[in-house]
């Protein structure tokens, strides 16, 4: 079973429907016990970093995420769920993140319009079971103004160009996350979710 964490922010329904479409058993929950019982965890999200961390704290989800990830449970972050993995963000002031990966979140350093909304290509930097069946240069759907800046180059899974090169996916061990929305990215996005579910 996959637990989709509900912390009051994010397009939970579309993530749930996409995972169900690839045959996954899913529960959408804000109950820490459901997260503990699940085989895998998905942290989606849309909105501001500081509000998201406050909501996770308020619901007692920060410690359970950290302990379950530390125990080796597969974890997938989507959009804001990617940003929250890192140590801090300067979105609307300085905010502490989950600190599961070293690095920070910064405003996209581009002269192009932000937020970036729409389809863009990814350049795959390393092999990953999650990207099995995904050709290099594939396009996915993005909606974001901020980007992660990992401290460890080995954590970078994909890069994308939007007037600047930014990290669009990361992976370390059982932790993976995407800046784009697999659930809104047609068959290739569903392929990623299928790979994560199996």
Foldseek 3Di string as FASTA:
>chain_A
DEEEECLPFADVVLVVVLLVVLPFDYDYDLALVVVVPDQAYEYEGDDDLQVSVVSCVVSVNLVSVVVCVVVQRAYEYEASRVQLCEQWECGVHIDGHSHVFYWHKYFPPAPDDPPDFAKFFKAFDDDDLLQVVPDHRDIFTAHDGMAIDGPDPQQAGIWTDDNHIGGQWGDDRSYIYGNGQLSRGPPSSSSSSSSSRD
